[in-house]
Amino acid sequence: MLAYPDIQILDVMGPLEVFSRTTRWLRDNGKRRDDAYSVEILGLRRGAFRASSGLRIYADRRFDEVGRGIDTLFIAGGTGSERYRQHPPLLRWIRRQASSVRRLASVCTGAFFLAEAGLLRGRRATTDRRSPAPGGNATRPCLWSCTVSASNGNAGRRASGKPHSARRALRRNRDDVC
């Protein structure tokens, strides 16, 4: 997970919890003996920084300390995306990672990093804020999965209230995904 100062803490912890819980479930149910996923936070610098809530997050490594070997790279969203999304070394690193990771995804305004890196050209993507790519449809949240994916962190909550709302949100919003 790539994170930076003023990220939305839910954008970091939610996806990381999904992957760590999957690892535990696979091990506990005899499906794997090793860890399916190893989760860590990558930052602009190694060490502690503050989320938009004021809580401290700790980056295990600086983003540029990581070469190949990432399976799934998430880019968190948050108010800090405005400040850091045009960071040239970070954008170069994201472009290099995009050519080798199995899955590249963003949460909410993390999509702006993908747009700035040129990875959304010819694709539509939305967040609950505004479109990260020219011509994108910002009227609906998106929640879907593909090689490059962007998800508005609130899509599931907005669709809630009915038993199969997540599936309904996926069907309704699948065309608004990069």
C-alpha atoms as a PDB file:
ATOM      1  CA  MET A   1       0.000   0.000   0.000  1.00  0.00           C
ATOM      2  CA  LEU A   2       1.404   3.366  -1.010  1.00  0.00           C
ATOM      3  CA  ALA A   3       0.495   6.009   1.553  1.00  0.00           C
ATOM      4  CA  TYR A   4       1.566   9.593   2.225  1.00  0.00           C
ATOM      5  CA  PRO A   5       0.844  12.377   4.729  1.00  0.00           C
ATOM      6  CA  ASP A   6      -2.847  13.283   5.023  1.00  0.00           C
ATOM      7  CA  ILE A   7      -4.158  10.013   3.600  1.00  0.00           C
ATOM      8  CA  GLN A   8      -7.610   8.834   4.576  1.00  0.00           C
ATOM      9  CA  ILE A   9      -6.894   6.124   7.129  1.00  0.00           C
ATOM     10  CA  LEU A  10      -9.788   3.941   5.942  1.00  0.00           C
ATOM     11  CA  ASP A  11      -8.293   3.939   2.425  1.00  0.00           C
ATOM     12  CA  VAL A  12      -5.151   2.340   3.848  1.00  0.00           C
ATOM     13  CA  MET A  13      -6.436   0.056   6.559  1.00  0.00           C
ATOM     14  CA  GLY A  14      -9.541  -1.283   4.801  1.00  0.00           C
ATOM     15  CA  PRO A  15      -7.740  -2.924   1.845  1.00  0.00           C
ATOM     16  CA  LEU A  16      -4.810  -4.077   3.985  1.00  0.00           C
ATOM     17  CA  GLU A  17      -7.201  -5.769   6.396  1.00  0.00           C
ATOM     18  CA  VAL A  18      -8.887  -7.600   3.507  1.00  0.00           C
ATOM     19  CA  PHE A  19      -5.569  -9.035   2.333  1.00  0.00           C
ATOM     20  CA  SER A  20      -4.290  -9.913   5.811  1.00  0.00           C
ATOM     21  CA  ARG A  21      -7.604 -11.531   6.728  1.00  0.00           C
ATOM     22  CA  THR A  22      -7.544 -13.542   3.478  1.00  0.00           C
ATOM     23  CA  THR A  23      -4.074 -14.770   4.382  1.00  0.00           C
ATOM     24  CA  ARG A  24      -5.271 -15.872   7.836  1.00  0.00           C
ATOM     25  CA  TRP A  25      -8.367 -17.582   6.418  1.00  0.00           C
ATOM     26  CA  LEU A  26      -6.352 -19.520   3.824  1.00  0.00           C
ATOM     27  CA  ARG A  27      -3.887 -20.687   6.486  1.00  0.00           C
ATOM     28  CA  ASP A  28      -6.559 -21.475   9.107  1.00  0.00           C
ATOM     29  CA  ASN A  29      -8.588 -23.493   6.593  1.00  0.00           C
ATOM     30  CA  GLY A  30      -5.636 -25.530   5.352  1.00  0.00           C
ATOM     31  CA  LYS A  31      -5.565 -23.940   1.913  1.00  0.00           C
ATOM     32  CA  ARG A  32      -1.995 -22.641   2.291  1.00  0.00           C
ATOM     33  CA  ARG A  33       0.881 -23.165   4.669  1.00  0.00           C
ATOM     34  CA  ASP A  34       2.663 -19.953   3.773  1.00  0.00           C
ATOM     35  CA  ASP A  35       1.303 -16.420   3.772  1.00  0.00           C
ATOM     36  CA  ALA A  36      -0.674 -15.678   0.634  1.00  0.00           C
ATOM     37  CA  TYR A  37      -0.014 -11.966   1.123  1.00  0.00           C
ATOM     38  CA  SER A  38       2.457  -9.936   3.098  1.00  0.00           C
ATOM     39  CA  VAL A  39       1.085  -6.445   3.689  1.00  0.00           C
ATOM     40  CA  GLU A  40       3.164  -3.358   4.256  1.00  0.00           C
ATOM     41  CA  ILE A  41       2.907   0.382   3.959  1.00  0.00           C
ATOM     42  CA  LEU A  42       5.245   2.201   1.592  1.00  0.00           C
ATOM     43  CA  GLY A  43       5.692   5.930   2.065  1.00  0.00           C
ATOM     44  CA  LEU A  44       7.418   8.923   0.609  1.00  0.00           C
ATOM     45  CA  ARG A  45       9.881   8.364   3.452  1.00  0.00           C
ATOM     46  CA  ARG A  46      10.394   5.509   5.849  1.00  0.00           C
ATOM     47  CA  GLY A  47       8.894   6.158   9.257  1.00  0.00           C
ATOM     48  CA  ALA A  48       5.888   7.782  10.852  1.00  0.00           C
ATOM     49  CA  PHE A  49       3.594  10.350   9.271  1.00  0.00           C
ATOM     50  CA  ARG A  50       0.112  11.619  10.045  1.00  0.00           C
ATOM     51  CA  ALA A  51      -3.145  10.661   8.383  1.00  0.00           C
ATOM     52  CA  SER A  52      -5.810  13.311   7.819  1.00  0.00           C
ATOM     53  CA  SER A  53      -7.394  12.191  11.106  1.00  0.00           C
ATOM     54  CA  GLY A  54      -4.197  13.004  12.982  1.00  0.00           C
ATOM     55  CA  LEU A  55      -3.392   9.343  13.672  1.00  0.00           C
ATOM     56  CA  ARG A  56       0.137   8.244  12.929  1.00  0.00           C
ATOM     57  CA  ILE A  57       0.879   5.680  10.248  1.00  0.00           C
ATOM     58  CA  TYR A  58       4.259   4.015   9.852  1.00  0.00           C
ATOM     59  CA  ALA A  59       5.832   3.355   6.451  1.00  0.00           C
ATOM     60  CA  ASP A  60       7.976   0.224   6.545  1.00  0.00           C
ATOM     61  CA  ARG A  61       9.961   1.387   3.528  1.00  0.00           C
ATOM     62  CA  ARG A  62      10.329   4.336   1.182  1.00  0.00           C
ATOM     63  CA  PHE A  63       8.607   3.699  -2.144  1.00  0.00           C
ATOM     64  CA  ASP A  64      11.908   3.871  -4.053  1.00  0.00           C
ATOM     65  CA  GLU A  65      13.415   1.146  -1.858  1.00  0.00           C
ATOM     66  CA  VAL A  66      11.059  -1.308  -3.539  1.00  0.00           C
ATOM     67  CA  GLY A  67      11.810  -2.697  -6.982  1.00  0.00           C
ATOM     68  CA  ARG A  68      10.082  -5.708  -8.447  1.00  0.00           C
ATOM     69  CA  GLY A  69       8.235  -8.322  -6.465  1.00  0.00           C
ATOM     70  CA  ILE A  70       5.010  -6.518  -5.606  1.00  0.00           C
ATOM     71  CA  ASP A  71       1.954  -8.612  -6.449  1.00  0.00           C
ATOM     72  CA  THR A  72      -0.769  -6.055  -5.707  1.00  0.00           C
ATOM     73  CA  LEU A  73      -0.091  -2.354  -5.333  1.00  0.00           C
ATOM     74  CA  PHE A  74      -2.763  -0.120  -3.836  1.00  0.00           C
ATOM     75  CA  ILE A  75      -2.523   3.655  -3.809  1.00  0.00           C
ATOM     76  CA  ALA A  76      -4.479   5.255  -0.984  1.00  0.00           C
ATOM     77  CA  GLY A  77      -6.552   8.402  -1.297  1.00  0.00           C
ATOM     78  CA  GLY A  78      -6.867  11.380   0.973  1.00  0.00           C
ATOM     79  CA  THR A  79      -6.461  15.126   1.131  1.00  0.00           C
ATOM     80  CA  GLY A  80      -2.694  14.719   0.681  1.00  0.00           C
ATOM     81  CA  SER A  81      -3.227  13.509  -2.869  1.00  0.00           C
ATOM     82  CA  GLU A  82      -3.483  17.129  -4.040  1.00  0.00           C
ATOM     83  CA  ARG A  83      -0.038  17.863  -2.682  1.00  0.00           C
ATOM     84  CA  TYR A  84       1.797  14.676  -3.673  1.00  0.00           C
ATOM     85  CA  ARG A  85       0.182  13.501  -6.911  1.00  0.00           C
ATOM     86  CA  GLN A  86       2.639  15.433  -9.072  1.00  0.00           C
ATOM     87  CA  HIS A  87       5.779  14.118  -7.329  1.00  0.00           C
ATOM     88  CA  PRO A  88       8.016  13.206 -10.354  1.00  0.00           C
ATOM     89  CA  PRO A  89      10.079  10.394  -8.744  1.00  0.00           C
ATOM     90  CA  LEU A  90       6.912   8.832  -7.325  1.00  0.00           C
ATOM     91  CA  LEU A  91       5.122   8.986 -10.695  1.00  0.00           C
ATOM     92  CA  ARG A  92       8.105   7.343 -12.424  1.00  0.00           C
ATOM     93  CA  TRP A  93       8.072   4.591  -9.784  1.00  0.00           C
ATOM     94  CA  ILE A  94       4.318   4.038 -10.216  1.00  0.00           C
ATOM     95  CA  ARG A  95       4.767   3.724 -14.001  1.00  0.00           C
ATOM     96  CA  ARG A  96       7.575   1.162 -13.512  1.00  0.00           C
ATOM     97  CA  GLN A  97       5.487  -0.792 -11.018  1.00  0.00           C
ATOM     98  CA  ALA A  98       2.490  -0.779 -13.371  1.00  0.00           C
ATOM     99  CA  SER A  99       4.481  -2.839 -15.869  1.00  0.00           C
ATOM    100  CA  SER A 100       5.311  -5.576 -13.357  1.00  0.00           C
ATOM    101  CA  VAL A 101       2.578  -5.843 -10.715  1.00  0.00           C
ATOM    102  CA  ARG A 102      -0.267  -8.296 -11.181  1.00  0.00           C
ATOM    103  CA  ARG A 103      -2.816  -5.816  -9.825  1.00  0.00           C
ATOM    104  CA  LEU A 104      -2.610  -2.044  -9.556  1.00  0.00           C
ATOM    105  CA  ALA A 105      -5.466  -0.329  -7.761  1.00  0.00           C
ATOM    106  CA  SER A 106      -6.344   2.938  -6.118  1.00  0.00           C
ATOM    107  CA  VAL A 107      -8.836   3.919  -3.480  1.00  0.00           C
ATOM    108  CA  CYS A 108     -10.761   7.172  -3.917  1.00  0.00           C
ATOM    109  CA  THR A 109      -8.421  10.077  -4.777  1.00  0.00           C
ATOM    110  CA  GLY A 110      -5.489   7.681  -5.114  1.00  0.00           C
ATOM    111  CA  ALA A 111      -6.770   7.499  -8.713  1.00  0.00           C
ATOM    112  CA  PHE A 112      -5.225  10.942  -9.273  1.00  0.00           C
ATOM    113  CA  PHE A 113      -1.765   9.366  -8.964  1.00  0.00           C
ATOM    114  CA  LEU A 114      -2.677   6.867 -11.691  1.00  0.00           C
ATOM    115  CA  ALA A 115      -3.981   9.711 -13.877  1.00  0.00           C
ATOM    116  CA  GLU A 116      -0.862  11.840 -13.356  1.00  0.00           C
ATOM    117  CA  ALA A 117       1.320   8.820 -14.190  1.00  0.00           C
ATOM    118  CA  GLY A 118      -0.540   8.500 -17.500  1.00  0.00           C
ATOM    119  CA  LEU A 119      -2.063   5.135 -16.609  1.00  0.00           C
ATOM    120  CA  LEU A 120      -5.666   6.214 -17.113  1.00  0.00           C
ATOM    121  CA  ARG A 121      -5.347   7.449 -20.698  1.00  0.00           C
ATOM    122  CA  GLY A 122      -8.195   6.024 -22.721  1.00  0.00           C
ATOM    123  CA  ARG A 123      -9.963   4.749 -19.603  1.00  0.00           C
ATOM    124  CA  ARG A 124     -12.808   6.141 -17.522  1.00  0.00           C
ATOM    125  CA  ALA A 125     -12.386   6.468 -13.788  1.00  0.00           C
ATOM    126  CA  THR A 126     -14.310   8.206 -11.046  1.00  0.00           C
ATOM    127  CA  THR A 127     -13.964   9.038  -7.413  1.00  0.00           C
ATOM    128  CA  ASP A 128     -16.564  10.536  -5.135  1.00  0.00           C
ATOM    129  CA  ARG A 129     -14.706  13.844  -5.542  1.00  0.00           C
ATOM    130  CA  ARG A 130     -14.337  14.380  -9.319  1.00  0.00           C
ATOM    131  CA  SER A 131     -13.017  12.636 -12.374  1.00  0.00           C
ATOM    132  CA  PRO A 132      -9.260  11.907 -12.270  1.00  0.00           C
ATOM    133  CA  ALA A 133      -9.080  11.572 -16.061  1.00  0.00           C
ATOM    134  CA  PRO A 134     -10.251  13.926 -18.792  1.00  0.00           C
ATOM    135  CA  GLY A 135     -13.713  12.951 -19.949  1.00  0.00           C
ATOM    136  CA  GLY A 136     -14.297  10.661 -16.972  1.00  0.00           C
ATOM    137  CA  ASN A 137     -17.766  10.254 -15.532  1.00  0.00           C
ATOM    138  CA  ALA A 138     -17.791  11.691 -12.021  1.00  0.00           C
ATOM    139  CA  THR A 139     -21.509  11.262 -11.465  1.00  0.00           C
ATOM    140  CA  ARG A 140     -21.357   7.725 -10.061  1.00  0.00           C
ATOM    141  CA  PRO A 141     -18.921   5.979  -7.744  1.00  0.00           C
ATOM    142  CA  CYS A 142     -17.104   3.032  -9.207  1.00  0.00           C
ATOM    143  CA  LEU A 143     -16.366  -0.322  -7.634  1.00  0.00           C
ATOM    144  CA  TRP A 144     -14.899  -3.034  -9.831  1.00  0.00           C
ATOM    145  CA  SER A 145     -11.716  -4.965 -10.380  1.00  0.00           C
ATOM    146  CA  CYS A 146      -9.439  -5.189 -13.396  1.00  0.00           C
ATOM    147  CA  THR A 147      -5.727  -4.862 -14.148  1.00  0.00           C
ATOM    148  CA  VAL A 148      -5.866  -1.206 -13.120  1.00  0.00           C
ATOM    149  CA  SER A 149      -8.782  -0.360 -10.893  1.00  0.00           C
ATOM    150  CA  ALA A 150     -10.010   2.645  -9.010  1.00  0.00           C
ATOM    151  CA  SER A 151     -12.667   2.474  -6.360  1.00  0.00           C
ATOM    152  CA  ASN A 152     -14.463   5.210  -4.557  1.00  0.00           C
ATOM    153  CA  GLY A 153     -14.049   4.175  -0.935  1.00  0.00           C
ATOM    154  CA  ASN A 154     -17.691   4.989  -0.220  1.00  0.00           C
ATOM    155  CA  ALA A 155     -19.278   2.964  -3.020  1.00  0.00           C
ATOM    156  CA  GLY A 156     -20.276   0.086  -0.759  1.00  0.00           C
ATOM    157  CA  ARG A 157     -21.688   2.355   1.927  1.00  0.00           C
ATOM    158  CA  ARG A 158     -23.727   4.368  -0.573  1.00  0.00           C
ATOM    159  CA  ALA A 159     -25.287   1.239  -2.001  1.00  0.00           C
ATOM    160  CA  SER A 160     -26.018  -0.285   1.391  1.00  0.00           C
ATOM    161  CA  GLY A 161     -29.396  -0.914   2.890  1.00  0.00           C
ATOM    162  CA  LYS A 162     -30.310  -3.939   0.800  1.00  0.00           C
ATOM    163  CA  PRO A 163     -28.931  -7.470   1.184  1.00  0.00           C
ATOM    164  CA  HIS A 164     -27.235  -7.670  -2.226  1.00  0.00           C
ATOM    165  CA  SER A 165     -26.286  -4.023  -2.555  1.00  0.00           C
ATOM    166  CA  ALA A 166     -22.575  -4.666  -3.233  1.00  0.00           C
ATOM    167  CA  ARG A 167     -23.400  -6.922  -6.191  1.00  0.00           C
ATOM    168  CA  ARG A 168     -25.905  -4.369  -7.443  1.00  0.00           C
ATOM    169  CA  ALA A 169     -23.273  -1.612  -7.145  1.00  0.00           C
ATOM    170  CA  LEU A 170     -20.818  -3.711  -9.139  1.00  0.00           C
ATOM    171  CA  ARG A 171     -23.322  -4.305 -11.947  1.00  0.00           C
ATOM    172  CA  ARG A 172     -24.417  -0.673 -12.037  1.00  0.00           C
ATOM    173  CA  ASN A 173     -20.928   0.861 -11.937  1.00  0.00           C
ATOM    174  CA  ARG A 174     -18.699  -1.592 -13.789  1.00  0.00           C
ATOM    175  CA  ASP A 175     -18.443   0.619 -16.881  1.00  0.00           C
ATOM    176  CA  ASP A 176     -17.063   3.532 -14.882  1.00  0.00           C
ATOM    177  CA  VAL A 177     -13.819   1.811 -14.057  1.00  0.00           C
ATOM    178  CA  CYS A 178     -10.356   2.150 -15.395  1.00  0.00           C
END
